């Protein structure tokens, strides 16, 4: 499954919608995604969303779409 992770760059920053970023991870569960992001970055995770086929196709149209590997 592909998961979309919404995050802030730093755990120290106050979360603001305008500075929320996203990354995409292929994993078996959202728990694995959370552990990978927490172990490899200083990001403050806001939300992890499993993408269905339609949503994934929509996200792939974004030129910034790239699967992140940890």
C-alpha atoms as a PDB file:
ATOM      1  CA  UNK A   1       0.000   0.000   0.000  1.00  0.00           C
ATOM      2  CA  UNK A   2       1.013   3.581  -0.593  1.00  0.00           C
ATOM      3  CA  UNK A   3       0.625   5.979   2.328  1.00  0.00           C
ATOM      4  CA  UNK A   4       0.618   9.762   2.269  1.00  0.00           C
ATOM      5  CA  UNK A   5       2.305  11.311   5.300  1.00  0.00           C
ATOM      6  CA  UNK A   6       1.482  14.915   6.166  1.00  0.00           C
ATOM      7  CA  UNK A   7       4.193  16.480   8.305  1.00  0.00           C
ATOM      8  CA  UNK A   8       5.971  19.578   9.553  1.00  0.00           C
ATOM      9  CA  UNK A   9       9.742  19.850   9.047  1.00  0.00           C
ATOM     10  CA  UNK A  10      10.513  20.048  12.755  1.00  0.00           C
ATOM     11  CA  UNK A  11       8.950  18.836  15.964  1.00  0.00           C
ATOM     12  CA  UNK A  12       9.878  22.198  17.486  1.00  0.00           C
ATOM     13  CA  UNK A  13       7.775  24.295  15.082  1.00  0.00           C
ATOM     14  CA  UNK A  14       4.142  25.020  15.749  1.00  0.00           C
ATOM     15  CA  UNK A  15       2.054  23.161  13.162  1.00  0.00           C
ATOM     16  CA  UNK A  16       0.624  25.466  10.493  1.00  0.00           C
ATOM     17  CA  UNK A  17      -1.406  24.421   7.521  1.00  0.00           C
ATOM     18  CA  UNK A  18       0.652  26.630   5.216  1.00  0.00           C
ATOM     19  CA  UNK A  19       3.871  24.811   6.066  1.00  0.00           C
ATOM     20  CA  UNK A  20       2.505  21.258   5.978  1.00  0.00           C
ATOM     21  CA  UNK A  21       4.388  19.030   3.551  1.00  0.00           C
ATOM     22  CA  UNK A  22       3.757  15.518   2.330  1.00  0.00           C
ATOM     23  CA  UNK A  23       5.686  12.433   1.402  1.00  0.00           C
ATOM     24  CA  UNK A  24       4.628   9.064   0.037  1.00  0.00           C
ATOM     25  CA  UNK A  25       5.780   5.718   1.391  1.00  0.00           C
ATOM     26  CA  UNK A  26       5.162   2.157   0.229  1.00  0.00           C
ATOM     27  CA  UNK A  27       4.666  -0.100   3.271  1.00  0.00           C
ATOM     28  CA  UNK A  28       2.498  -2.880   4.667  1.00  0.00           C
ATOM     29  CA  UNK A  29       0.889  -0.740   7.380  1.00  0.00           C
ATOM     30  CA  UNK A  30       0.653   2.784   8.739  1.00  0.00           C
ATOM     31  CA  UNK A  31       2.481   1.595  11.871  1.00  0.00           C
ATOM     32  CA  UNK A  32       5.531   0.683   9.784  1.00  0.00           C
ATOM     33  CA  UNK A  33       5.330   4.060   8.020  1.00  0.00           C
ATOM     34  CA  UNK A  34       5.184   5.946  11.339  1.00  0.00           C
ATOM     35  CA  UNK A  35       8.157   4.016  12.738  1.00  0.00           C
ATOM     36  CA  UNK A  36      10.230   4.576   9.580  1.00  0.00           C
ATOM     37  CA  UNK A  37       9.547   8.327   9.496  1.00  0.00           C
ATOM     38  CA  UNK A  38      10.164   8.752  13.236  1.00  0.00           C
ATOM     39  CA  UNK A  39      13.400   6.721  13.129  1.00  0.00           C
ATOM     40  CA  UNK A  40      14.860   8.463  10.068  1.00  0.00           C
ATOM     41  CA  UNK A  41      13.733  12.097  10.315  1.00  0.00           C
ATOM     42  CA  UNK A  42      12.950  14.893  12.750  1.00  0.00           C
ATOM     43  CA  UNK A  43       9.556  15.453  11.142  1.00  0.00           C
ATOM     44  CA  UNK A  44       6.454  16.083  13.197  1.00  0.00           C
ATOM     45  CA  UNK A  45       3.852  13.729  11.709  1.00  0.00           C
ATOM     46  CA  UNK A  46       0.375  15.223  11.514  1.00  0.00           C
ATOM     47  CA  UNK A  47      -1.494  12.500   9.658  1.00  0.00           C
ATOM     48  CA  UNK A  48      -0.923   9.241   7.768  1.00  0.00           C
ATOM     49  CA  UNK A  49      -3.431   8.340   5.077  1.00  0.00           C
ATOM     50  CA  UNK A  50      -3.695   5.112   3.100  1.00  0.00           C
ATOM     51  CA  UNK A  51      -4.303   5.978  -0.554  1.00  0.00           C
ATOM     52  CA  UNK A  52      -6.840   4.075  -2.627  1.00  0.00           C
ATOM     53  CA  UNK A  53      -6.249   3.652  -6.382  1.00  0.00           C
ATOM     54  CA  UNK A  54      -8.192   6.759  -7.424  1.00  0.00           C
ATOM     55  CA  UNK A  55      -6.465   8.996  -4.899  1.00  0.00           C
ATOM     56  CA  UNK A  56      -3.067   7.557  -5.812  1.00  0.00           C
ATOM     57  CA  UNK A  57      -3.650   8.269  -9.510  1.00  0.00           C
ATOM     58  CA  UNK A  58      -4.593  11.846  -8.620  1.00  0.00           C
ATOM     59  CA  UNK A  59      -1.444  12.289  -6.497  1.00  0.00           C
ATOM     60  CA  UNK A  60       0.755  10.892  -9.289  1.00  0.00           C
ATOM     61  CA  UNK A  61      -0.330  13.800 -11.514  1.00  0.00           C
ATOM     62  CA  UNK A  62       1.527  16.182  -9.186  1.00  0.00           C
ATOM     63  CA  UNK A  63       5.036  16.815 -10.573  1.00  0.00           C
ATOM     64  CA  UNK A  64       6.436  16.608  -7.028  1.00  0.00           C
ATOM     65  CA  UNK A  65       5.114  13.065  -6.477  1.00  0.00           C
ATOM     66  CA  UNK A  66       7.928  10.726  -5.459  1.00  0.00           C
ATOM     67  CA  UNK A  67       7.954   7.590  -3.324  1.00  0.00           C
ATOM     68  CA  UNK A  68      10.254   7.945  -0.330  1.00  0.00           C
ATOM     69  CA  UNK A  69      12.338   4.982   0.769  1.00  0.00           C
ATOM     70  CA  UNK A  70      13.824   4.542   4.211  1.00  0.00           C
END
